[in-house]
C-alpha atoms as a PDB file:
ATOM      1  CA  SER A   1       0.154   0.307   0.228  1.00  0.00           C
ATOM      2  CA  THR A   2       1.305   3.310  -1.077  1.00  0.00           C
ATOM      3  CA  LEU A   3       0.248   6.532   0.940  1.00  0.00           C
ATOM      4  CA  VAL A   4       1.008   9.581  -1.913  1.00  0.00           C
ATOM      5  CA  VAL A   5       1.147  12.759   0.782  1.00  0.00           C
ATOM      6  CA  GLY A   6       2.069  16.102  -1.598  1.00  0.00           C
ATOM      7  CA  PRO A   7       1.248  19.704  -0.521  1.00  0.00           C
ATOM      8  CA  ALA A   8      -1.226  18.893   1.822  1.00  0.00           C
ATOM      9  CA  ILE A   9       1.217  19.894   4.648  1.00  0.00           C
ATOM     10  CA  ILE A  10      -0.490  22.780   6.633  1.00  0.00           C
ATOM     11  CA  HIS A  11       1.984  24.647   8.754  1.00  0.00           C
ATOM     12  CA  ALA A  12      -0.204  27.049  10.785  1.00  0.00           C
ATOM     13  CA  GLN A  13       1.463  27.211  14.897  1.00  0.00           C
ATOM     14  CA  ALA A  14       4.143  24.328  14.253  1.00  0.00           C
ATOM     15  CA  VAL A  15       1.450  22.363  13.504  1.00  0.00           C
ATOM     16  CA  GLN A  16       1.408  20.048  10.638  1.00  0.00           C
ATOM     17  CA  VAL A  17      -1.564  18.341   8.693  1.00  0.00           C
ATOM     18  CA  GLY A  18      -0.355  15.588   6.219  1.00  0.00           C
ATOM     19  CA  ILE A  19      -3.299  14.188   3.677  1.00  0.00           C
ATOM     20  CA  GLY A  20      -3.029  12.010   0.892  1.00  0.00           C
ATOM     21  CA  PHE A  21      -4.385   9.373  -0.688  1.00  0.00           C
ATOM     22  CA  SER A  22      -3.027   5.224  -0.758  1.00  0.00           C
ATOM     23  CA  LEU A  23      -4.129   2.050  -3.093  1.00  0.00           C
ATOM     24  CA  PRO A  24      -3.576  -1.611  -1.671  1.00  0.00           C
ATOM     25  CA  TYR A  25      -2.616  -2.684  -5.128  1.00  0.00           C
ATOM     26  CA  GLN A  26      -2.213  -1.603  -8.713  1.00  0.00           C
ATOM     27  CA  ASP A  27      -2.880  -4.770 -10.642  1.00  0.00           C
ATOM     28  CA  LEU A  28      -6.404  -3.133 -11.740  1.00  0.00           C
ATOM     29  CA  THR A  29      -8.079  -4.337 -15.084  1.00  0.00           C
ATOM     30  CA  VAL A  30     -11.062  -2.552 -16.632  1.00  0.00           C
ATOM     31  CA  GLY A  31     -14.475  -2.648 -14.393  1.00  0.00           C
ATOM     32  CA  ASP A  32     -13.140  -4.109 -11.292  1.00  0.00           C
ATOM     33  CA  PRO A  33     -14.027  -2.323  -8.431  1.00  0.00           C
ATOM     34  CA  PHE A  34     -11.034  -1.400  -5.845  1.00  0.00           C
ATOM     35  CA  PRO A  35     -10.816   1.226  -2.770  1.00  0.00           C
ATOM     36  CA  LEU A  36      -8.840   4.128  -2.441  1.00  0.00           C
ATOM     37  CA  THR A  37      -8.159   5.380   1.040  1.00  0.00           C
ATOM     38  CA  ILE A  38      -7.641   9.015   1.914  1.00  0.00           C
ATOM     39  CA  SER A  39      -5.744   9.564   5.036  1.00  0.00           C
ATOM     40  CA  ALA A  40      -5.184  12.845   6.826  1.00  0.00           C
ATOM     41  CA  ILE A  41      -2.217  12.642   9.835  1.00  0.00           C
ATOM     42  CA  HIS A  42      -3.221  15.810  12.444  1.00  0.00           C
ATOM     43  CA  PRO A  43      -2.826  16.436  16.001  1.00  0.00           C
ATOM     44  CA  GLU A  44      -5.646  16.003  18.805  1.00  0.00           C
ATOM     45  CA  GLY A  45      -8.340  18.120  18.884  1.00  0.00           C
ATOM     46  CA  HIS A  46      -8.286  18.440  14.514  1.00  0.00           C
ATOM     47  CA  ASN A  47     -11.668  17.767  13.202  1.00  0.00           C
ATOM     48  CA  ILE A  48     -10.977  16.861   9.302  1.00  0.00           C
ATOM     49  CA  ILE A  49     -13.963  17.064   7.060  1.00  0.00           C
ATOM     50  CA  PHE A  50     -13.648  14.324   3.525  1.00  0.00           C
ATOM     51  CA  PRO A  51     -16.210  16.210   0.879  1.00  0.00           C
ATOM     52  CA  ARG A  52     -19.238  13.774  -0.473  1.00  0.00           C
ATOM     53  CA  LEU A  53     -17.930  12.643  -3.869  1.00  0.00           C
ATOM     54  CA  PRO A  54     -20.347  12.458  -6.838  1.00  0.00           C
ATOM     55  CA  ALA A  55     -21.395   9.389  -8.734  1.00  0.00           C
ATOM     56  CA  GLU A  56     -19.049  10.199 -11.665  1.00  0.00           C
ATOM     57  CA  TRP A  57     -15.723  11.955 -10.443  1.00  0.00           C
ATOM     58  CA  GLY A  58     -14.024  12.338 -13.619  1.00  0.00           C
ATOM     59  CA  SER A  59     -12.784   9.333 -14.827  1.00  0.00           C
ATOM     60  CA  PHE A  60     -13.452   7.617 -12.333  1.00  0.00           C
ATOM     61  CA  GLU A  61     -17.153   5.934 -10.829  1.00  0.00           C
ATOM     62  CA  VAL A  62     -17.546   6.379  -7.363  1.00  0.00           C
ATOM     63  CA  ILE A  63     -19.560   3.205  -5.803  1.00  0.00           C
ATOM     64  CA  SER A  64     -19.305   4.074  -1.896  1.00  0.00           C
ATOM     65  CA  GLN A  65     -17.434   5.962   0.647  1.00  0.00           C
ATOM     66  CA  GLU A  66     -17.505   4.128   3.992  1.00  0.00           C
ATOM     67  CA  PRO A  67     -17.842   5.640   7.413  1.00  0.00           C
ATOM     68  CA  VAL A  68     -14.726   8.063   8.621  1.00  0.00           C
ATOM     69  CA  ALA A  69     -12.840   6.306  10.591  1.00  0.00           C
ATOM     70  CA  THR A  70     -10.026   7.603  13.426  1.00  0.00           C
ATOM     71  CA  SER A  71      -6.733   5.730  15.309  1.00  0.00           C
ATOM     72  CA  VAL A  72      -4.200   7.053  17.595  1.00  0.00           C
ATOM     73  CA  ASN A  73      -0.344   6.948  16.343  1.00  0.00           C
ATOM     74  CA  GLU A  74       2.322   6.325  18.506  1.00  0.00           C
ATOM     75  CA  ASP A  75       3.890   9.539  18.316  1.00  0.00           C
ATOM     76  CA  GLY A  76       0.360  10.269  19.803  1.00  0.00           C
ATOM     77  CA  THR A  77      -0.983  12.371  16.342  1.00  0.00           C
ATOM     78  CA  LEU A  78      -4.354  10.683  15.060  1.00  0.00           C
ATOM     79  CA  THR A  79      -5.168   9.044  11.699  1.00  0.00           C
ATOM     80  CA  THR A  80      -8.495  10.125  10.554  1.00  0.00           C
ATOM     81  CA  SER A  81      -9.314   8.183   6.825  1.00  0.00           C
ATOM     82  CA  GLN A  82     -12.242   6.913   4.395  1.00  0.00           C
ATOM     83  CA  VAL A  83     -12.145   3.804   2.200  1.00  0.00           C
ATOM     84  CA  ILE A  84     -13.835   5.152  -1.558  1.00  0.00           C
ATOM     85  CA  GLU A  85     -14.546   2.360  -3.469  1.00  0.00           C
ATOM     86  CA  VAL A  86     -14.531   3.275  -6.767  1.00  0.00           C
ATOM     87  CA  ALA A  87     -14.141   2.012 -10.814  1.00  0.00           C
ATOM     88  CA  LEU A  88     -12.124   2.762 -13.780  1.00  0.00           C
ATOM     89  CA  PHE A  89     -13.525   1.862 -17.090  1.00  0.00           C
ATOM     90  CA  ALA A  90     -11.326   2.798 -19.705  1.00  0.00           C
ATOM     91  CA  PRO A  91      -7.305   1.123 -20.158  1.00  0.00           C
ATOM     92  CA  GLY A  92      -4.669   3.406 -19.554  1.00  0.00           C
ATOM     93  CA  GLU A  93      -3.288   5.970 -16.850  1.00  0.00           C
ATOM     94  CA  HIS A  94      -5.634   7.817 -14.981  1.00  0.00           C
ATOM     95  CA  THR A  95      -5.203  10.936 -12.618  1.00  0.00           C
ATOM     96  CA  THR A  96      -7.739  11.633  -9.433  1.00  0.00           C
ATOM     97  CA  PRO A  97      -9.410  15.096  -9.861  1.00  0.00           C
ATOM     98  CA  PRO A  98      -8.709  18.198  -7.557  1.00  0.00           C
ATOM     99  CA  LEU A  99     -10.261  17.501  -4.093  1.00  0.00           C
ATOM    100  CA  ASN A 100     -10.554  19.603  -1.112  1.00  0.00           C
ATOM    101  CA  VAL A 101     -10.502  18.621   2.421  1.00  0.00           C
ATOM    102  CA  THR A 102     -11.838  20.889   4.995  1.00  0.00           C
ATOM    103  CA  ILE A 103      -9.975  21.499   8.439  1.00  0.00           C
ATOM    104  CA  GLN A 104     -11.435  23.023  11.870  1.00  0.00           C
ATOM    105  CA  LYS A 105      -8.532  23.534  14.051  1.00  0.00           C
ATOM    106  CA  ALA A 106      -8.177  23.103  17.662  1.00  0.00           C
ATOM    107  CA  ASP A 107      -9.318  27.128  18.091  1.00  0.00           C
ATOM    108  CA  SER A 108     -12.552  26.169  15.528  1.00  0.00           C
ATOM    109  CA  SER A 109     -10.639  28.085  12.734  1.00  0.00           C
ATOM    110  CA  VAL A 110     -11.738  26.704   9.502  1.00  0.00           C
ATOM    111  CA  ILE A 111      -9.293  25.756   6.473  1.00  0.00           C
ATOM    112  CA  GLU A 112      -9.959  24.091   2.821  1.00  0.00           C
ATOM    113  CA  GLN A 113      -6.594  22.234   1.402  1.00  0.00           C
ATOM    114  CA  THR A 114      -6.346  20.513  -1.969  1.00  0.00           C
ATOM    115  CA  VAL A 115      -5.159  16.702  -1.750  1.00  0.00           C
ATOM    116  CA  TRP A 116      -2.202  15.571  -4.192  1.00  0.00           C
ATOM    117  CA  PRO A 117      -3.687  13.532  -6.869  1.00  0.00           C
ATOM    118  CA  ILE A 118      -2.759  10.202  -7.397  1.00  0.00           C
ATOM    119  CA  SER A 119      -2.015   8.199 -11.020  1.00  0.00           C
ATOM    120  CA  VAL A 120      -4.011   4.674 -11.265  1.00  0.00           C
ATOM    121  CA  SER A 121      -2.915   2.335 -14.429  1.00  0.00           C
ATOM    122  CA  ILE A 122      -5.553  -0.071 -15.454  1.00  0.00           C
ATOM    123  CA  LEU A 123      -5.157  -2.845 -17.997  1.00  0.00           C
ATOM    124  CA  SER A 124      -7.001  -3.929 -20.581  1.00  0.00           C
ATOM    125  CA  VAL A 125      -9.204  -7.167 -20.192  1.00  0.00           C
ATOM    126  CA  LEU A 126      -9.046  -7.848 -23.947  1.00  0.00           C
ATOM    127  CA  ARG A 127      -6.919 -10.641 -25.187  1.00  0.00           C
ATOM    128  CA  THR A 128      -5.326 -10.857 -28.372  1.00  0.00           C
ATOM    129  CA  ASP A 129      -7.917 -13.129 -30.199  1.00  0.00           C
ATOM    130  CA  ASP A 130     -10.678 -11.132 -29.071  1.00  0.00           C
ATOM    131  CA  ALA A 131     -11.253  -9.584 -32.048  1.00  0.00           C
ATOM    132  CA  GLU A 132     -12.889 -12.775 -33.878  1.00  0.00           C
ATOM    133  CA  LEU A 133     -16.496 -13.113 -33.786  1.00  0.00           C
ATOM    134  CA  ARG A 134     -18.107 -15.825 -31.914  1.00  0.00           C
ATOM    135  CA  ASP A 135     -21.664 -17.175 -31.842  1.00  0.00           C
ATOM    136  CA  ILE A 136     -24.554 -15.734 -30.337  1.00  0.00           C
ATOM    137  CA  LYS A 137     -25.116 -17.384 -26.581  1.00  0.00           C
ATOM    138  CA  PRO A 138     -29.188 -18.018 -26.553  1.00  0.00           C
ATOM    139  CA  PRO A 139     -31.096 -15.550 -24.292  1.00  0.00           C
ATOM    140  CA  ALA A 140     -30.659 -15.845 -20.490  1.00  0.00           C
ATOM    141  CA  GLU A 141     -34.033 -16.664 -18.036  1.00  0.00           C
ATOM    142  CA  LEU A 142     -34.696 -13.685 -16.052  1.00  0.00           C
ATOM    143  CA  THR A 143     -36.363 -13.864 -12.496  1.00  0.00           C
ATOM    144  CA  VAL A 144     -38.595 -11.493 -11.498  1.00  0.00           C
ATOM    145  CA  PRO A 145     -38.116  -9.865  -9.021  1.00  0.00           C
ATOM    146  CA  SER A 146     -40.244  -9.749  -5.695  1.00  0.00           C
ATOM    147  CA  LEU A 147     -42.563  -6.738  -5.120  1.00  0.00           C
ATOM    148  CA  TRP A 148     -41.991  -6.714  -1.220  1.00  0.00           C
ATOM    149  CA  PRO A 149     -38.977  -4.588  -1.386  1.00  0.00           C
ATOM    150  CA  TRP A 150     -40.366  -1.750  -3.068  1.00  0.00           C
ATOM    151  CA  ALA A 151     -43.312  -2.169  -0.779  1.00  0.00           C
ATOM    152  CA  ILE A 152     -41.044  -1.404   2.386  1.00  0.00           C
ATOM    153  CA  GLY A 153     -39.408   0.556   0.767  1.00  0.00           C
ATOM    154  CA  GLY A 154     -42.312   3.062   0.020  1.00  0.00           C
ATOM    155  CA  ALA A 155     -43.642   2.223   3.867  1.00  0.00           C
ATOM    156  CA  SER A 156     -40.399   3.934   5.400  1.00  0.00           C
ATOM    157  CA  ALA A 157     -40.825   6.938   2.965  1.00  0.00           C
ATOM    158  CA  ILE A 158     -44.309   7.304   3.844  1.00  0.00           C
ATOM    159  CA  GLY A 159     -43.012   6.917   7.613  1.00  0.00           C
ATOM    160  CA  LEU A 160     -41.066   9.757   7.136  1.00  0.00           C
ATOM    161  CA  LEU A 161     -42.660  11.990   5.302  1.00  0.00           C
ATOM    162  CA  ALA A 162     -45.164  11.590   8.038  1.00  0.00           C
ATOM    163  CA  LEU A 163     -42.657  12.631  10.861  1.00  0.00           C
ATOM    164  CA  ALA A 164     -41.173  15.698   8.953  1.00  0.00           C
ATOM    165  CA  ALA A 165     -44.897  16.891   8.628  1.00  0.00           C
ATOM    166  CA  PHE A 166     -45.505  16.639  11.538  1.00  0.00           C
ATOM    167  CA  LEU A 167     -42.339  17.954  13.087  1.00  0.00           C
ATOM    168  CA  ILE A 168     -42.768  21.397  10.604  1.00  0.00           C
ATOM    169  CA  TRP A 169     -46.214  21.569  11.815  1.00  0.00           C
ATOM    170  CA  GLN A 170     -44.722  21.998  15.608  1.00  0.00           C
ATOM    171  CA  ARG A 171     -42.757  24.889  13.976  1.00  0.00           C
ATOM    172  CA  ARG A 172     -45.944  27.370  13.220  1.00  0.00           C
ATOM    173  CA  THR A 173     -45.790  30.253  16.162  1.00  0.00           C
ATOM    174  CA  ALA A 174     -48.850  30.404  18.592  1.00  0.00           C
ATOM    175  CA  ALA A 175     -50.437  32.734  15.944  1.00  0.00           C
ATOM    176  CA  ASP A 176     -50.696  29.574  13.638  1.00  0.00           C
ATOM    177  CA  LEU A 177     -51.903  27.089  15.947  1.00  0.00           C
ATOM    178  CA  ALA A 178     -54.831  29.560  17.145  1.00  0.00           C
ATOM    179  CA  GLY A 179     -58.231  27.107  16.963  1.00  0.00           C
ATOM    180  CA  ALA A 180     -55.904  24.297  16.735  1.00  0.00           C
ATOM    181  CA  SER A 181     -57.035  20.878  18.699  1.00  0.00           C
ATOM    182  CA  PHE A 182     -55.368  20.675  22.478  1.00  0.00           C
ATOM    183  CA  ASP A 183     -53.200  17.814  22.690  1.00  0.00           C
ATOM    184  CA  PRO A 184     -53.441  15.716  25.972  1.00  0.00           C
ATOM    185  CA  ARG A 185     -49.651  14.435  26.022  1.00  0.00           C
ATOM    186  CA  SER A 186     -47.323  16.120  28.075  1.00  0.00           C
ATOM    187  CA  PRO A 187     -43.809  17.866  26.689  1.00  0.00           C
ATOM    188  CA  PHE A 188     -42.228  15.036  27.742  1.00  0.00           C
ATOM    189  CA  GLU A 189     -44.733  12.321  26.385  1.00  0.00           C
ATOM    190  CA  ILE A 190     -44.466  14.225  23.349  1.00  0.00           C
ATOM    191  CA  ALA A 191     -40.616  13.743  23.424  1.00  0.00           C
ATOM    192  CA  MET A 192     -40.524  10.398  24.033  1.00  0.00           C
ATOM    193  CA  ASP A 193     -43.102   9.734  21.258  1.00  0.00           C
ATOM    194  CA  GLN A 194     -41.045  11.589  19.114  1.00  0.00           C
ATOM    195  CA  LEU A 195     -37.466   9.888  19.735  1.00  0.00           C
ATOM    196  CA  ASP A 196     -39.551   6.690  19.236  1.00  0.00           C
ATOM    197  CA  ALA A 197     -40.529   7.206  15.920  1.00  0.00           C
ATOM    198  CA  ILE A 198     -37.114   8.067  14.880  1.00  0.00           C
ATOM    199  CA  GLU A 199     -35.990   4.956  16.425  1.00  0.00           C
ATOM    200  CA  GLU A 200     -38.407   3.309  14.382  1.00  0.00           C
ATOM    201  CA  LEU A 201     -37.239   5.189  10.830  1.00  0.00           C
ATOM    202  CA  ASP A 202     -33.724   3.705  11.374  1.00  0.00           C
ATOM    203  CA  LEU A 203     -32.039   6.307   9.765  1.00  0.00           C
ATOM    204  CA  PRO A 204     -28.426   5.649  10.416  1.00  0.00           C
ATOM    205  CA  TYR A 205     -28.894   1.971   8.970  1.00  0.00           C
ATOM    206  CA  SER A 206     -29.246   3.749   5.480  1.00  0.00           C
ATOM    207  CA  LYS A 207     -26.456   6.155   6.472  1.00  0.00           C
ATOM    208  CA  ARG A 208     -28.911   8.981   6.439  1.00  0.00           C
ATOM    209  CA  PHE A 209     -27.209  11.130   9.032  1.00  0.00           C
ATOM    210  CA  LYS A 210     -28.719  15.024   7.857  1.00  0.00           C
ATOM    211  CA  GLN A 211     -32.200  13.519   8.271  1.00  0.00           C
ATOM    212  CA  HIS A 212     -31.824  12.082  11.471  1.00  0.00           C
ATOM    213  CA  TYR A 213     -29.828  14.358  13.307  1.00  0.00           C
ATOM    214  CA  THR A 214     -32.325  16.894  12.071  1.00  0.00           C
ATOM    215  CA  LEU A 215     -35.016  15.367  13.436  1.00  0.00           C
ATOM    216  CA  VAL A 216     -32.999  14.742  17.129  1.00  0.00           C
ATOM    217  CA  GLY A 217     -32.289  18.252  17.060  1.00  0.00           C
ATOM    218  CA  ASP A 218     -35.895  19.155  16.414  1.00  0.00           C
ATOM    219  CA  THR A 219     -37.609  17.027  19.257  1.00  0.00           C
ATOM    220  CA  LEU A 220     -34.988  18.893  21.777  1.00  0.00           C
ATOM    221  CA  ARG A 221     -36.104  21.829  20.509  1.00  0.00           C
ATOM    222  CA  GLY A 222     -39.623  20.926  20.780  1.00  0.00           C
ATOM    223  CA  TYR A 223     -39.628  19.932  24.546  1.00  0.00           C
ATOM    224  CA  LEU A 224     -37.747  22.906  25.250  1.00  0.00           C
ATOM    225  CA  GLN A 225     -40.380  25.115  23.883  1.00  0.00           C
ATOM    226  CA  ARG A 226     -43.056  23.177  25.128  1.00  0.00           C
ATOM    227  CA  GLU A 227     -42.092  22.440  28.691  1.00  0.00           C
ATOM    228  CA  PHE A 228     -39.861  25.956  29.055  1.00  0.00           C
ATOM    229  CA  SER A 229     -41.501  28.393  26.725  1.00  0.00           C
ATOM    230  CA  LEU A 230     -38.386  28.356  24.900  1.00  0.00           C
ATOM    231  CA  PRO A 231     -38.573  29.589  21.728  1.00  0.00           C
ATOM    232  CA  ALA A 232     -35.803  27.181  20.424  1.00  0.00           C
ATOM    233  CA  LEU A 233     -37.559  26.330  17.106  1.00  0.00           C
ATOM    234  CA  ASP A 234     -37.161  29.654  16.265  1.00  0.00           C
ATOM    235  CA  LEU A 235     -34.174  30.284  17.675  1.00  0.00           C
ATOM    236  CA  THR A 236     -30.483  29.453  16.432  1.00  0.00           C
ATOM    237  CA  THR A 237     -28.074  27.023  19.007  1.00  0.00           C
ATOM    238  CA  SER A 238     -26.066  30.056  20.517  1.00  0.00           C
ATOM    239  CA  GLU A 239     -29.612  32.182  20.943  1.00  0.00           C
ATOM    240  CA  THR A 240     -30.974  28.644  22.329  1.00  0.00           C
ATOM    241  CA  THR A 241     -28.055  28.439  24.595  1.00  0.00           C
ATOM    242  CA  THR A 242     -28.163  31.937  26.406  1.00  0.00           C
ATOM    243  CA  GLN A 243     -31.854  31.274  26.516  1.00  0.00           C
ATOM    244  CA  ILE A 244     -31.295  28.116  28.515  1.00  0.00           C
ATOM    245  CA  ARG A 245     -28.927  29.659  30.889  1.00  0.00           C
ATOM    246  CA  ASN A 246     -31.441  31.940  31.957  1.00  0.00           C
ATOM    247  CA  SER A 247     -34.244  29.983  32.133  1.00  0.00           C
ATOM    248  CA  SER A 248     -35.075  27.185  34.806  1.00  0.00           C
ATOM    249  CA  VAL A 249     -33.761  24.897  33.173  1.00  0.00           C
ATOM    250  CA  PRO A 250     -31.271  23.268  35.555  1.00  0.00           C
ATOM    251  CA  PRO A 251     -27.698  24.774  35.263  1.00  0.00           C
ATOM    252  CA  GLU A 252     -26.181  21.430  35.301  1.00  0.00           C
ATOM    253  CA  GLU A 253     -28.069  20.444  32.092  1.00  0.00           C
ATOM    254  CA  TYR A 254     -27.007  23.423  30.582  1.00  0.00           C
ATOM    255  CA  ASN A 255     -23.749  22.149  28.873  1.00  0.00           C
ATOM    256  CA  ILE A 256     -25.388  18.398  27.751  1.00  0.00           C
ATOM    257  CA  VAL A 257     -28.092  20.719  25.685  1.00  0.00           C
ATOM    258  CA  GLY A 258     -26.025  22.555  24.316  1.00  0.00           C
ATOM    259  CA  ARG A 259     -23.337  19.997  23.400  1.00  0.00           C
ATOM    260  CA  ILE A 260     -26.668  17.703  21.412  1.00  0.00           C
ATOM    261  CA  LEU A 261     -27.495  20.958  19.499  1.00  0.00           C
ATOM    262  CA  ARG A 262     -23.840  21.472  18.306  1.00  0.00           C
ATOM    263  CA  ASP A 263     -23.556  18.189  17.328  1.00  0.00           C
ATOM    264  CA  CYS A 264     -26.764  18.196  15.343  1.00  0.00           C
ATOM    265  CA  ASP A 265     -25.698  21.349  13.567  1.00  0.00           C
ATOM    266  CA  LEU A 266     -22.183  19.612  12.650  1.00  0.00           C
ATOM    267  CA  ILE A 267     -24.085  17.112  10.938  1.00  0.00           C
ATOM    268  CA  LYS A 268     -26.611  19.742   9.279  1.00  0.00           C
ATOM    269  CA  PHE A 269     -24.463  22.313   8.032  1.00  0.00           C
ATOM    270  CA  THR A 270     -21.356  20.105   6.991  1.00  0.00           C
ATOM    271  CA  GLU A 271     -20.356  17.404   5.124  1.00  0.00           C
ATOM    272  CA  PHE A 272     -18.921  15.870   8.165  1.00  0.00           C
ATOM    273  CA  GLN A 273     -20.214  11.876   8.635  1.00  0.00           C
ATOM    274  CA  PRO A 274     -20.464  10.040  11.979  1.00  0.00           C
ATOM    275  CA  ASP A 275     -20.409   6.131  12.136  1.00  0.00           C
ATOM    276  CA  GLU A 276     -23.974   4.171  13.107  1.00  0.00           C
ATOM    277  CA  ASP A 277     -23.187   3.944  16.220  1.00  0.00           C
ATOM    278  CA  THR A 278     -22.461   7.734  17.031  1.00  0.00           C
ATOM    279  CA  ALA A 279     -25.686   8.786  15.664  1.00  0.00           C
ATOM    280  CA  TRP A 280     -27.695   6.427  17.743  1.00  0.00           C
ATOM    281  CA  ASP A 281     -25.647   7.799  20.906  1.00  0.00           C
ATOM    282  CA  VAL A 282     -26.914  11.121  19.663  1.00  0.00           C
ATOM    283  CA  ALA A 283     -30.584  10.411  20.100  1.00  0.00           C
ATOM    284  CA  HIS A 284     -29.981   7.856  23.493  1.00  0.00           C
ATOM    285  CA  ASP A 285     -28.496  11.129  24.709  1.00  0.00           C
ATOM    286  CA  THR A 286     -31.637  13.388  23.941  1.00  0.00           C
ATOM    287  CA  ARG A 287     -33.545  10.953  25.930  1.00  0.00           C
ATOM    288  CA  SER A 288     -31.537  10.782  28.542  1.00  0.00           C
ATOM    289  CA  ALA A 289     -31.623  14.399  28.889  1.00  0.00           C
ATOM    290  CA  VAL A 290     -35.210  14.798  28.450  1.00  0.00           C
ATOM    291  CA  ARG A 291     -35.668  12.703  31.048  1.00  0.00           C
ATOM    292  CA  ARG A 292     -33.936  14.996  33.337  1.00  0.00           C
ATOM    293  CA  LEU A 293     -35.391  17.900  32.471  1.00  0.00           C
ATOM    294  CA  GLN A 294     -38.486  16.764  33.279  1.00  0.00           C
ATOM    295  CA  PRO A 295     -40.234  19.026  35.790  1.00  0.00           C
ATOM    296  CA  GLN A 296     -40.673  16.710  38.991  1.00  0.00           C
ATOM    297  CA  PRO A 297     -44.472  17.093  40.711  1.00  0.00           C
ATOM    298  CA  THR A 298     -44.576  18.576  44.126  1.00  0.00           C
ATOM    299  CA  THR A 299     -45.975  16.721  46.950  1.00  0.00           C
ATOM    300  CA  PRO A 300     -48.332  18.968  48.894  1.00  0.00           C
ATOM    301  CA  VAL A 301     -47.491  19.918  52.235  1.00  0.00           C
ATOM    302  CA  GLU A 302     -50.540  19.083  54.635  1.00  0.00           C
ATOM    303  CA  PRO A 303     -51.049  21.418  56.970  1.00  0.00           C
ATOM    304  CA  ASP A 304     -50.471  20.062  60.583  1.00  0.00           C
ATOM    305  CA  GLU A 305     -53.399  18.605  62.385  1.00  0.00           C
ATOM    306  CA  LYS A 306     -54.769  20.212  65.286  1.00  0.00           C
ATOM    307  CA  PRO A 307     -54.682  18.668  68.757  1.00  0.00           C
ATOM    308  CA  LEU A 308     -58.113  17.393  70.060  1.00  0.00           C
ATOM    309  CA  SER A 309     -58.420  20.311  72.865  1.00  0.00           C
ATOM    310  CA  GLU A 310     -58.867  22.959  70.554  1.00  0.00           C
ATOM    311  CA  VAL A 311     -60.735  21.175  68.184  1.00  0.00           C
ATOM    312  CA  ALA A 312     -63.224  20.672  71.326  1.00  0.00           C
ATOM    313  CA  SER A 313     -62.805  24.442  72.344  1.00  0.00           C
END
């Protein structure tokens, strides 16, 4: 395996980030899928965001992009990498197109860096006698595909649209809700029902992370709005955390709620791709936070009973 690291070396406050492509082997033929790995070696505290590639990336056909993985090196630095499965359908030399990687440094500043390209040699699958004409083979028998996958996919899409429509409904202002029917559920029950519906959609399994994080973040914002009268659905995350600090939300929950909302924003507004376990963690953390935020019922204090002597008098 060869790692090609070119000018993608960033000198910033004596810190270096090296980015490059690597191939496990070079004996490739036309149409063979093969893994192309992009890796970044960087210090702790840096966040590497690889872009989502189009299906046709120059002469390369992109088949899939695996989740981003990070490992710790012996010198204390980190290696963040992503495997991109690609294929080429013409023999000869092919060079990867220009690719920009986003780097978020420890001080939250963001820069972009172009990755040094790598050349890939593709061999032809044709033999010298392949120009000869051969008899045409009889037609192959085709099996009729089952309609069940289409039915299941359609049901999932309808469920996603229904949940999205419900979350859009809850964003309407109080004036829009005038005359609407009363929901007998408590804010806690509404949030739990919404999180249950999100789990049933199982969006992380199909890599639909943006939709998953958007629904989880809106559920938490909706709970804050209903339970604590904070207009969280209409505020930015920064504005929401400021309002939380000045509200009746317990101080020990302030940082947890802020972290969940910032994590949701990172996935919604960037191309960063979490893994499936991390995506489920944010839903579970939100459920735990809502449970802790739920106001506890107060027990009424019974007045002291009067002595019998006072009652008799």
